[in-house]
Every structure is written in structure tokens, then in C-alpha cells.
């Protein structure tokens, strides 16, 4: 349970910090996202780093219980799957998928969801 609380604090803070940055720098984040999509080398490196992080999360917290800790597990698996997809997806398929996902509206929407989930995880992690 101590690890789950730590991970709730970690993910909660990360989600809140990231969403604040996105809200403050929407145009820059959108441009960076477009640039990453167009640069296959950077996409591969980003995928490798994301895979390493995802493996760390999944191996340290793979808790499938009925309760809030499963949120951590789901985000851990999402991180791992995203990393592998960034490395393994054929370039044309990746570009087609990424262009549908990376829009100004979707970036703001995802950031809002991250903020809400982050606040929830912080409340649990810091027993607020």
C-alpha cells in the first residue's frame, strides 16, 4: 500500500504539473507535438525512454484490485504500451494515427482530464 500511495503522489504531481504547463503554453506544446511526430528518430528515442519508464511502473506496480490503486496500474500499462507503439508502429500508420490524435482541442482535453485525475490521485496520495 505504501508503494501505491507513493505512485499516487508521483502521478498526481506529474499530471498536475504537466497540465498546467500545457494550459500555459498550448501553442508551444502543439508545435512540439507536431515536430516530434514528423521526426522519426526523435519518436524512436522518445518511445525507448517511455518504454523504460513504463516497464519500471508496470514491474513495480501491477496491482489489479477493485479500488483506486488500479488507476496507477492502468496508467503504468498505458505508458508501456505508448512506448512500445512509438518504437514499433510502422511510420505511415503512426503518422496517420498521430495526426488524428494530436490536435489543439485534444491536447487541451487530455490535459483537463490529466488535471482532474491528478487532483484525485493527490487527494488519495497525501490523504487530503
N, C-alpha and C. Protein backbone atom coordinates (compact mmCIF):
# COMPACT_ATOMS: atom_id res chain seq x y z
N UNK A 1 0.82 -1.20 0.00
CA UNK A 1 0.00 0.00 0.00
C UNK A 1 0.86 1.26 0.00
N UNK A 2 2.03 1.20 0.63
CA UNK A 2 2.91 2.37 0.66
C UNK A 2 3.36 2.74 -0.76
N UNK A 3 3.65 1.73 -1.58
CA UNK A 3 4.05 2.00 -2.96
C UNK A 3 2.90 2.63 -3.74
N UNK A 4 1.70 2.14 -3.53
CA UNK A 4 0.54 2.71 -4.22
C UNK A 4 0.35 4.18 -3.84
N UNK A 5 0.54 4.52 -2.58
CA UNK A 5 0.42 5.91 -2.15
C UNK A 5 1.51 6.77 -2.77
N UNK A 6 2.74 6.24 -2.80
CA UNK A 6 3.83 6.98 -3.43
C UNK A 6 3.54 7.21 -4.91
N UNK A 7 3.09 6.16 -5.60
CA UNK A 7 2.78 6.29 -7.03
C UNK A 7 1.62 7.26 -7.25
N UNK A 8 0.64 7.29 -6.35
CA UNK A 8 -0.46 8.25 -6.45
C UNK A 8 0.08 9.67 -6.33
N UNK A 9 1.02 9.88 -5.40
CA UNK A 9 1.64 11.19 -5.26
C UNK A 9 2.44 11.54 -6.52
N UNK A 10 3.22 10.59 -7.01
CA UNK A 10 4.05 10.82 -8.19
C UNK A 10 3.19 11.16 -9.41
N UNK A 11 2.24 10.27 -9.74
CA UNK A 11 1.39 10.51 -10.91
C UNK A 11 0.55 11.77 -10.72
N UNK A 12 0.02 11.98 -9.52
CA UNK A 12 -0.79 13.16 -9.25
C UNK A 12 -0.02 14.45 -9.51
N UNK A 13 1.18 14.54 -8.93
CA UNK A 13 2.01 15.74 -9.15
C UNK A 13 2.41 15.88 -10.61
N UNK A 14 2.80 14.78 -11.23
CA UNK A 14 3.20 14.83 -12.64
C UNK A 14 2.04 15.31 -13.53
N UNK A 15 0.86 14.75 -13.32
CA UNK A 15 -0.30 15.12 -14.13
C UNK A 15 -0.65 16.59 -13.94
N UNK A 16 -0.61 17.07 -12.72
CA UNK A 16 -0.97 18.47 -12.46
C UNK A 16 0.08 19.40 -13.06
N UNK A 17 1.35 19.12 -12.83
CA UNK A 17 2.41 19.96 -13.39
C UNK A 17 2.32 20.00 -14.92
N UNK A 18 2.18 18.83 -15.52
CA UNK A 18 2.11 18.74 -16.98
C UNK A 18 0.90 19.50 -17.52
N UNK A 19 -0.25 19.33 -16.90
CA UNK A 19 -1.43 20.02 -17.43
C UNK A 19 -1.34 21.53 -17.25
N UNK A 20 -0.73 22.00 -16.17
CA UNK A 20 -0.53 23.45 -16.01
C UNK A 20 0.37 23.98 -17.12
N UNK A 21 1.45 23.26 -17.40
CA UNK A 21 2.35 23.68 -18.48
C UNK A 21 1.61 23.72 -19.81
N UNK A 22 0.80 22.71 -20.08
CA UNK A 22 0.04 22.69 -21.34
C UNK A 22 -0.93 23.87 -21.41
N UNK A 23 -1.63 24.14 -20.32
CA UNK A 23 -2.57 25.26 -20.32
C UNK A 23 -1.84 26.59 -20.54
N UNK A 24 -0.65 26.73 -19.98
CA UNK A 24 0.10 27.98 -20.11
C UNK A 24 0.79 28.13 -21.47
N UNK A 25 1.13 26.99 -22.08
CA UNK A 25 1.91 27.03 -23.34
C UNK A 25 1.28 26.17 -24.43
N UNK A 26 -0.03 26.30 -24.61
CA UNK A 26 -0.77 25.47 -25.57
C UNK A 26 -0.14 25.47 -26.96
N UNK A 27 0.15 26.65 -27.48
CA UNK A 27 0.69 26.74 -28.84
C UNK A 27 2.05 26.05 -28.95
N UNK A 28 2.91 26.28 -27.96
CA UNK A 28 4.23 25.64 -27.98
C UNK A 28 4.13 24.12 -27.89
N UNK A 29 3.26 23.64 -27.02
CA UNK A 29 3.11 22.19 -26.83
C UNK A 29 2.58 21.56 -28.12
N UNK A 30 1.62 22.21 -28.76
CA UNK A 30 1.07 21.69 -30.02
C UNK A 30 2.17 21.63 -31.08
N UNK A 31 2.96 22.68 -31.19
CA UNK A 31 4.06 22.73 -32.17
C UNK A 31 5.10 21.65 -31.88
N UNK A 32 5.46 21.49 -30.62
CA UNK A 32 6.43 20.45 -30.25
C UNK A 32 5.88 19.07 -30.58
N UNK A 33 4.60 18.85 -30.29
CA UNK A 33 3.97 17.56 -30.60
C UNK A 33 4.02 17.29 -32.10
N UNK A 34 3.72 18.29 -32.91
CA UNK A 34 3.79 18.13 -34.36
C UNK A 34 5.22 17.81 -34.81
N UNK A 35 6.20 18.50 -34.22
CA UNK A 35 7.60 18.29 -34.58
C UNK A 35 8.07 16.88 -34.22
N UNK A 36 7.65 16.39 -33.06
CA UNK A 36 8.03 15.03 -32.64
C UNK A 36 7.46 14.01 -33.61
N UNK A 37 6.20 14.20 -34.01
CA UNK A 37 5.56 13.27 -34.94
C UNK A 37 6.33 13.21 -36.26
N UNK A 38 6.80 14.35 -36.73
CA UNK A 38 7.49 14.40 -38.02
C UNK A 38 8.92 13.87 -37.96
N UNK A 39 9.51 13.77 -36.79
CA UNK A 39 10.90 13.36 -36.64
C UNK A 39 10.95 11.91 -36.17
N UNK A 40 11.17 10.97 -37.10
CA UNK A 40 11.11 9.56 -36.74
C UNK A 40 12.21 9.15 -35.77
N UNK A 41 13.37 9.82 -35.82
CA UNK A 41 14.44 9.49 -34.88
C UNK A 41 14.05 9.90 -33.46
N UNK A 42 13.49 11.09 -33.34
CA UNK A 42 13.06 11.57 -32.03
C UNK A 42 11.91 10.72 -31.50
N UNK A 43 11.03 10.30 -32.39
CA UNK A 43 9.94 9.42 -32.00
C UNK A 43 10.48 8.11 -31.45
N UNK A 44 11.50 7.57 -32.09
CA UNK A 44 12.10 6.31 -31.63
C UNK A 44 12.76 6.48 -30.27
N UNK A 45 13.50 7.56 -30.08
CA UNK A 45 14.16 7.81 -28.80
C UNK A 45 13.12 8.04 -27.70
N UNK A 46 12.10 8.83 -28.01
CA UNK A 46 11.02 9.07 -27.05
C UNK A 46 10.32 7.76 -26.70
N UNK A 47 10.11 6.91 -27.69
CA UNK A 47 9.49 5.61 -27.45
C UNK A 47 10.35 4.75 -26.55
N UNK A 48 11.65 4.77 -26.75
CA UNK A 48 12.55 3.99 -25.90
C UNK A 48 12.51 4.45 -24.46
N UNK A 49 12.57 5.75 -24.25
CA UNK A 49 12.52 6.30 -22.89
C UNK A 49 11.16 6.01 -22.23
N UNK A 50 10.10 6.14 -23.01
CA UNK A 50 8.76 5.88 -22.48
C UNK A 50 8.60 4.40 -22.14
N UNK A 51 9.18 3.53 -22.96
CA UNK A 51 9.13 2.09 -22.69
C UNK A 51 9.85 1.76 -21.39
N UNK A 52 11.03 2.35 -21.20
CA UNK A 52 11.78 2.12 -19.96
C UNK A 52 10.96 2.57 -18.75
N UNK A 53 10.37 3.74 -18.83
CA UNK A 53 9.55 4.25 -17.74
C UNK A 53 8.33 3.35 -17.51
N UNK A 54 7.68 2.95 -18.60
CA UNK A 54 6.52 2.07 -18.50
C UNK A 54 6.87 0.73 -17.87
N UNK A 55 8.01 0.15 -18.27
CA UNK A 55 8.44 -1.11 -17.66
C UNK A 55 8.68 -0.95 -16.17
N UNK A 56 9.32 0.14 -15.80
CA UNK A 56 9.56 0.41 -14.38
C UNK A 56 8.23 0.47 -13.62
N UNK A 57 7.27 1.21 -14.17
CA UNK A 57 5.98 1.35 -13.49
C UNK A 57 5.25 0.01 -13.41
N UNK A 58 5.18 -0.72 -14.52
CA UNK A 58 4.44 -1.99 -14.55
C UNK A 58 5.09 -3.02 -13.63
N UNK A 59 6.41 -3.12 -13.66
CA UNK A 59 7.08 -4.10 -12.82
C UNK A 59 7.00 -3.76 -11.33
N UNK A 60 6.90 -2.48 -11.02
CA UNK A 60 6.83 -2.11 -9.61
C UNK A 60 5.40 -2.00 -9.08
N UNK A 61 4.44 -1.81 -9.97
CA UNK A 61 3.05 -1.63 -9.50
C UNK A 61 2.07 -2.23 -10.51
N UNK A 62 1.89 -3.52 -10.46
CA UNK A 62 0.94 -4.22 -11.32
C UNK A 62 -0.16 -4.79 -10.43
N UNK A 63 -0.95 -3.88 -9.87
CA UNK A 63 -1.95 -4.22 -8.86
C UNK A 63 -3.34 -4.13 -9.47
N UNK A 64 -3.96 -5.29 -9.68
CA UNK A 64 -5.29 -5.33 -10.29
C UNK A 64 -6.32 -5.66 -9.21
N UNK A 65 -6.67 -4.64 -8.42
CA UNK A 65 -7.68 -4.82 -7.39
C UNK A 65 -8.83 -3.85 -7.67
N UNK A 66 -9.95 -4.11 -7.02
CA UNK A 66 -11.09 -3.23 -7.16
C UNK A 66 -10.91 -2.06 -6.20
N UNK A 67 -10.37 -0.98 -6.70
CA UNK A 67 -10.12 0.19 -5.88
C UNK A 67 -9.22 1.16 -6.62
N UNK A 68 -8.89 2.26 -5.97
CA UNK A 68 -8.12 3.31 -6.62
C UNK A 68 -6.74 2.89 -7.10
N UNK A 69 -6.03 1.92 -6.47
CA UNK A 69 -4.70 1.57 -6.98
C UNK A 69 -4.69 1.06 -8.42
N UNK A 70 -5.83 0.57 -8.90
CA UNK A 70 -5.88 0.10 -10.28
C UNK A 70 -5.68 1.26 -11.27
N UNK A 71 -5.98 2.48 -10.85
CA UNK A 71 -5.75 3.65 -11.70
C UNK A 71 -4.25 3.76 -12.01
N UNK A 72 -3.43 3.54 -11.00
CA UNK A 72 -1.98 3.59 -11.17
C UNK A 72 -1.54 2.50 -12.16
N UNK A 73 -2.08 1.32 -11.98
CA UNK A 73 -1.73 0.20 -12.86
C UNK A 73 -2.14 0.48 -14.30
N UNK A 74 -3.31 1.04 -14.49
CA UNK A 74 -3.78 1.35 -15.85
C UNK A 74 -2.86 2.37 -16.51
N UNK A 75 -2.50 3.43 -15.79
CA UNK A 75 -1.59 4.43 -16.36
C UNK A 75 -0.20 3.85 -16.59
N UNK A 76 0.21 2.91 -15.74
CA UNK A 76 1.51 2.25 -15.94
C UNK A 76 1.50 1.46 -17.25
N UNK A 77 0.45 0.68 -17.46
CA UNK A 77 0.34 -0.09 -18.70
C UNK A 77 0.19 0.82 -19.92
N UNK A 78 -0.55 1.92 -19.77
CA UNK A 78 -0.69 2.87 -20.89
C UNK A 78 0.66 3.45 -21.27
N UNK A 79 1.49 3.74 -20.27
CA UNK A 79 2.83 4.27 -20.54
C UNK A 79 3.66 3.25 -21.30
N UNK A 80 3.62 2.01 -20.86
CA UNK A 80 4.38 0.95 -21.54
C UNK A 80 3.89 0.74 -22.97
N UNK A 81 2.60 0.66 -23.14
CA UNK A 81 2.02 0.45 -24.48
C UNK A 81 2.36 1.62 -25.40
N UNK A 82 2.29 2.84 -24.89
CA UNK A 82 2.64 4.00 -25.69
C UNK A 82 4.10 3.93 -26.14
N UNK A 83 4.99 3.58 -25.22
CA UNK A 83 6.41 3.50 -25.57
C UNK A 83 6.68 2.47 -26.64
N UNK A 84 6.10 1.29 -26.49
CA UNK A 84 6.29 0.23 -27.49
C UNK A 84 5.69 0.65 -28.82
N UNK A 85 4.52 1.28 -28.79
CA UNK A 85 3.88 1.73 -30.03
C UNK A 85 4.74 2.78 -30.74
N UNK A 86 5.31 3.70 -29.99
CA UNK A 86 6.17 4.72 -30.61
C UNK A 86 7.37 4.08 -31.31
N UNK A 87 7.88 3.01 -30.74
CA UNK A 87 9.04 2.36 -31.35
C UNK A 87 8.66 1.40 -32.47
N UNK A 88 7.55 0.70 -32.33
CA UNK A 88 7.26 -0.43 -33.21
C UNK A 88 6.29 -0.14 -34.35
N UNK A 89 5.45 0.87 -34.21
CA UNK A 89 4.44 1.14 -35.24
C UNK A 89 5.10 1.53 -36.55
N UNK A 90 4.63 0.98 -37.65
CA UNK A 90 5.14 1.43 -38.95
C UNK A 90 4.91 2.93 -39.10
N UNK A 91 5.85 3.59 -39.76
CA UNK A 91 5.84 5.05 -39.84
C UNK A 91 4.53 5.60 -40.40
N UNK A 92 4.02 5.02 -41.48
CA UNK A 92 2.79 5.53 -42.10
C UNK A 92 1.60 5.39 -41.16
N UNK A 93 1.51 4.25 -40.49
CA UNK A 93 0.40 4.03 -39.56
C UNK A 93 0.50 4.99 -38.38
N UNK A 94 1.72 5.19 -37.88
CA UNK A 94 1.93 6.11 -36.76
C UNK A 94 1.53 7.53 -37.15
N UNK A 95 1.97 7.99 -38.32
CA UNK A 95 1.64 9.34 -38.77
C UNK A 95 0.13 9.54 -38.91
N UNK A 96 -0.53 8.55 -39.48
CA UNK A 96 -1.98 8.63 -39.66
C UNK A 96 -2.70 8.72 -38.30
N UNK A 97 -2.27 7.86 -37.37
CA UNK A 97 -2.87 7.84 -36.04
C UNK A 97 -2.56 9.14 -35.28
N UNK A 98 -1.31 9.56 -35.31
CA UNK A 98 -0.89 10.74 -34.55
C UNK A 98 -1.57 12.00 -35.05
N UNK A 99 -1.75 12.13 -36.36
CA UNK A 99 -2.39 13.33 -36.90
C UNK A 99 -3.85 13.44 -36.46
N UNK A 100 -4.49 12.30 -36.21
CA UNK A 100 -5.87 12.33 -35.72
C UNK A 100 -5.91 12.68 -34.23
N UNK A 101 -4.91 12.22 -33.49
CA UNK A 101 -4.89 12.41 -32.05
C UNK A 101 -4.36 13.79 -31.65
N UNK A 102 -3.31 14.25 -32.30
CA UNK A 102 -2.65 15.50 -31.92
C UNK A 102 -3.33 16.69 -32.61
N UNK A 103 -4.33 17.20 -31.92
CA UNK A 103 -4.99 18.43 -32.36
C UNK A 103 -4.98 19.39 -31.18
N UNK A 104 -5.17 20.66 -31.45
CA UNK A 104 -5.18 21.64 -30.35
C UNK A 104 -6.27 21.31 -29.34
N UNK A 105 -7.42 20.90 -29.83
CA UNK A 105 -8.54 20.58 -28.93
C UNK A 105 -8.24 19.33 -28.11
N UNK A 106 -7.69 18.29 -28.73
CA UNK A 106 -7.42 17.06 -27.99
C UNK A 106 -6.33 17.26 -26.93
N UNK A 107 -5.35 18.09 -27.22
CA UNK A 107 -4.29 18.35 -26.25
C UNK A 107 -4.87 19.02 -25.00
N UNK A 108 -5.75 19.99 -25.20
CA UNK A 108 -6.38 20.68 -24.07
C UNK A 108 -7.31 19.72 -23.32
N UNK A 109 -8.08 18.92 -24.05
CA UNK A 109 -8.99 17.97 -23.42
C UNK A 109 -8.23 16.94 -22.58
N UNK A 110 -7.18 16.37 -23.15
CA UNK A 110 -6.37 15.40 -22.42
C UNK A 110 -5.75 16.05 -21.19
N UNK A 111 -5.30 17.28 -21.32
CA UNK A 111 -4.71 17.99 -20.18
C UNK A 111 -5.73 18.23 -19.07
N UNK A 112 -6.95 18.53 -19.46
CA UNK A 112 -8.00 18.73 -18.46
C UNK A 112 -8.27 17.42 -17.71
N UNK A 113 -8.36 16.32 -18.44
CA UNK A 113 -8.58 15.01 -17.80
C UNK A 113 -7.40 14.69 -16.88
N UNK A 114 -6.18 14.96 -17.35
CA UNK A 114 -4.99 14.73 -16.52
C UNK A 114 -5.06 15.55 -15.23
N UNK A 115 -5.52 16.77 -15.32
CA UNK A 115 -5.64 17.62 -14.14
C UNK A 115 -6.62 17.02 -13.13
N UNK A 116 -7.77 16.58 -13.62
CA UNK A 116 -8.79 16.00 -12.73
C UNK A 116 -8.25 14.72 -12.08
N UNK A 117 -7.67 13.83 -12.88
CA UNK A 117 -7.12 12.58 -12.34
C UNK A 117 -5.97 12.90 -11.38
N UNK A 118 -5.14 13.88 -11.74
CA UNK A 118 -4.03 14.27 -10.88
C UNK A 118 -4.51 14.77 -9.52
N UNK A 119 -5.54 15.59 -9.52
CA UNK A 119 -6.09 16.09 -8.25
C UNK A 119 -6.64 14.94 -7.41
N UNK A 120 -7.32 14.00 -8.06
CA UNK A 120 -7.85 12.84 -7.35
C UNK A 120 -6.72 12.02 -6.73
N UNK A 121 -5.68 11.75 -7.53
CA UNK A 121 -4.55 10.96 -7.02
C UNK A 121 -3.81 11.68 -5.90
N UNK A 122 -3.67 12.99 -6.02
CA UNK A 122 -3.03 13.77 -4.95
C UNK A 122 -3.84 13.69 -3.66
N UNK A 123 -5.14 13.79 -3.78
CA UNK A 123 -6.00 13.72 -2.60
C UNK A 123 -5.82 12.37 -1.90
N UNK A 124 -5.72 11.31 -2.68
CA UNK A 124 -5.51 10.00 -2.10
C UNK A 124 -4.08 9.86 -1.57
N UNK A 125 -3.12 10.24 -2.38
CA UNK A 125 -1.71 10.06 -2.03
C UNK A 125 -1.28 10.83 -0.80
N UNK A 126 -1.85 12.03 -0.63
CA UNK A 126 -1.48 12.85 0.53
C UNK A 126 -2.57 12.86 1.59
N UNK A 127 -3.53 11.96 1.45
CA UNK A 127 -4.61 11.78 2.43
C UNK A 127 -5.32 13.10 2.75
N UNK A 128 -5.74 13.79 1.67
CA UNK A 128 -6.41 15.09 1.84
C UNK A 128 -7.92 14.93 1.92
